[in-house]
C-alpha atoms as a PDB file:
ATOM      1  CA  MET A   1     129.421 107.433  90.179  1.00  0.00           C
ATOM      2  CA  ALA A   2     126.100 106.694  91.705  1.00  0.00           C
ATOM      3  CA  THR A   3     124.209 110.077  92.762  1.00  0.00           C
ATOM      4  CA  LYS A   4     122.161 110.090  96.064  1.00  0.00           C
ATOM      5  CA  LYS A   5     119.004 110.085  94.561  1.00  0.00           C
ATOM      6  CA  ALA A   6     120.175 106.216  92.704  1.00  0.00           C
ATOM      7  CA  VAL A   7     121.888 105.228  96.187  1.00  0.00           C
ATOM      8  CA  ALA A   8     119.499 105.865  98.191  1.00  0.00           C
ATOM      9  CA  LYS A   9     116.904 104.097  96.398  1.00  0.00           C
ATOM     10  CA  LYS A  10     118.344 100.921  96.095  1.00  0.00           C
ATOM     11  CA  THR A  11     118.739 101.004  99.913  1.00  0.00           C
ATOM     12  CA  ALA A  12     114.773 101.252 100.305  1.00  0.00           C
ATOM     13  CA  GLU A  13     114.722  98.473  97.389  1.00  0.00           C
ATOM     14  CA  LYS A  14     116.910  96.800  99.523  1.00  0.00           C
ATOM     15  CA  LYS A  15     114.874  97.143 103.038  1.00  0.00           C
ATOM     16  CA  THR A  16     111.798  96.697 100.801  1.00  0.00           C
ATOM     17  CA  ALA A  17     112.382  93.769  99.795  1.00  0.00           C
ATOM     18  CA  ALA A  18     113.572  92.665 102.866  1.00  0.00           C
ATOM     19  CA  LYS A  19     110.684  93.201 104.804  1.00  0.00           C
ATOM     20  CA  LYS A  20     108.361  90.914 101.801  1.00  0.00           C
ATOM     21  CA  ALA A  21     110.874  88.022 102.938  1.00  0.00           C
ATOM     22  CA  VAL A  22     110.247  87.974 106.778  1.00  0.00           C
ATOM     23  CA  LYS A  23     106.318  86.434 106.526  1.00  0.00           C
ATOM     24  CA  PRO A  24     104.827  86.179 109.793  1.00  0.00           C
ATOM     25  CA  PRO A  25     104.078  82.088 111.078  1.00  0.00           C
ATOM     26  CA  SER A  26     100.853  81.385 110.053  1.00  0.00           C
ATOM     27  CA  VAL A  27      98.765  80.159 112.622  1.00  0.00           C
ATOM     28  CA  ALA A  28      96.614  77.467 111.871  1.00  0.00           C
ATOM     29  CA  ARG A  29      93.371  77.359 113.217  1.00  0.00           C
ATOM     30  CA  PRO A  30      91.845  73.948 114.457  1.00  0.00           C
ATOM     31  CA  GLN A  31      89.211  72.982 111.987  1.00  0.00           C
ATOM     32  CA  PRO A  32      86.135  71.951 113.846  1.00  0.00           C
ATOM     33  CA  THR A  33      85.184  68.705 113.158  1.00  0.00           C
ATOM     34  CA  HIS A  34      81.165  67.296 111.708  1.00  0.00           C
ATOM     35  CA  GLU A  35      79.681  66.726 115.248  1.00  0.00           C
ATOM     36  CA  GLN A  36      80.571  70.264 116.923  1.00  0.00           C
ATOM     37  CA  ILE A  37      79.124  72.508 113.499  1.00  0.00           C
ATOM     38  CA  ALA A  38      76.335  70.726 114.340  1.00  0.00           C
ATOM     39  CA  GLU A  39      76.016  70.934 117.983  1.00  0.00           C
ATOM     40  CA  LEU A  40      75.576  74.979 117.753  1.00  0.00           C
ATOM     41  CA  ALA A  41      73.751  74.648 114.309  1.00  0.00           C
ATOM     42  CA  ARG A  42      71.153  72.669 116.675  1.00  0.00           C
ATOM     43  CA  LYS A  43      71.531  74.819 119.884  1.00  0.00           C
ATOM     44  CA  TYR A  44      70.865  77.056 117.389  1.00  0.00           C
ATOM     45  CA  PHE A  45      67.728  76.472 115.465  1.00  0.00           C
ATOM     46  CA  ASN A  46      66.032  75.658 119.647  1.00  0.00           C
ATOM     47  CA  GLU A  47      66.880  79.132 120.071  1.00  0.00           C
ATOM     48  CA  HIS A  48      63.701  80.343 117.667  1.00  0.00           C
ATOM     49  CA  GLY A  49      61.986  77.390 117.738  1.00  0.00           C
ATOM     50  CA  GLY A  50      62.342  75.941 114.232  1.00  0.00           C
ATOM     51  CA  HIS A  51      60.804  79.692 112.899  1.00  0.00           C
ATOM     52  CA  GLY A  52      62.602  82.436 110.639  1.00  0.00           C
ATOM     53  CA  ALA A  53      65.684  80.186 109.806  1.00  0.00           C
ATOM     54  CA  THR A  54      66.173  77.687 108.116  1.00  0.00           C
ATOM     55  CA  ALA A  55      68.844  74.568 108.879  1.00  0.00           C
ATOM     56  CA  GLU A  56      70.657  75.706 106.652  1.00  0.00           C
ATOM     57  CA  GLU A  57      70.546  78.944 107.248  1.00  0.00           C
ATOM     58  CA  ASP A  58      72.197  77.947 111.186  1.00  0.00           C
ATOM     59  CA  TRP A  59      73.760  75.653 110.004  1.00  0.00           C
ATOM     60  CA  LEU A  60      76.236  77.832 108.201  1.00  0.00           C
ATOM     61  CA  ARG A  61      76.139  80.208 111.036  1.00  0.00           C
ATOM     62  CA  ALA A  62      77.549  77.503 113.591  1.00  0.00           C
ATOM     63  CA  GLU A  63      80.361  76.778 110.929  1.00  0.00           C
ATOM     64  CA  ARG A  64      81.352  80.371 110.359  1.00  0.00           C
ATOM     65  CA  GLU A  65      81.377  81.097 113.853  1.00  0.00           C
ATOM     66  CA  LEU A  66      83.106  77.936 114.385  1.00  0.00           C
ATOM     67  CA  LYS A  67      86.047  79.093 111.887  1.00  0.00           C
ATOM     68  CA  GLY A  68      86.274  82.188 112.941  1.00  0.00           C
ATOM     69  CA  ILE A  69      84.811  83.736 109.608  1.00  0.00           C
END
């Protein structure tokens, strides 16, 4: 005969397994195009007048922003 603890443990395990099995749908974010990244990187470059950051830093900043990272 199963004890109350054993029954409670099995019930909890089933609930946990059920929660793990149901995953919310992932929302795929559209990836920015090369042109979109370049346009934003140019904007950043122009904002600081080409001083203080490299073109690569501007590119990476634009890429992060557009990808939402």
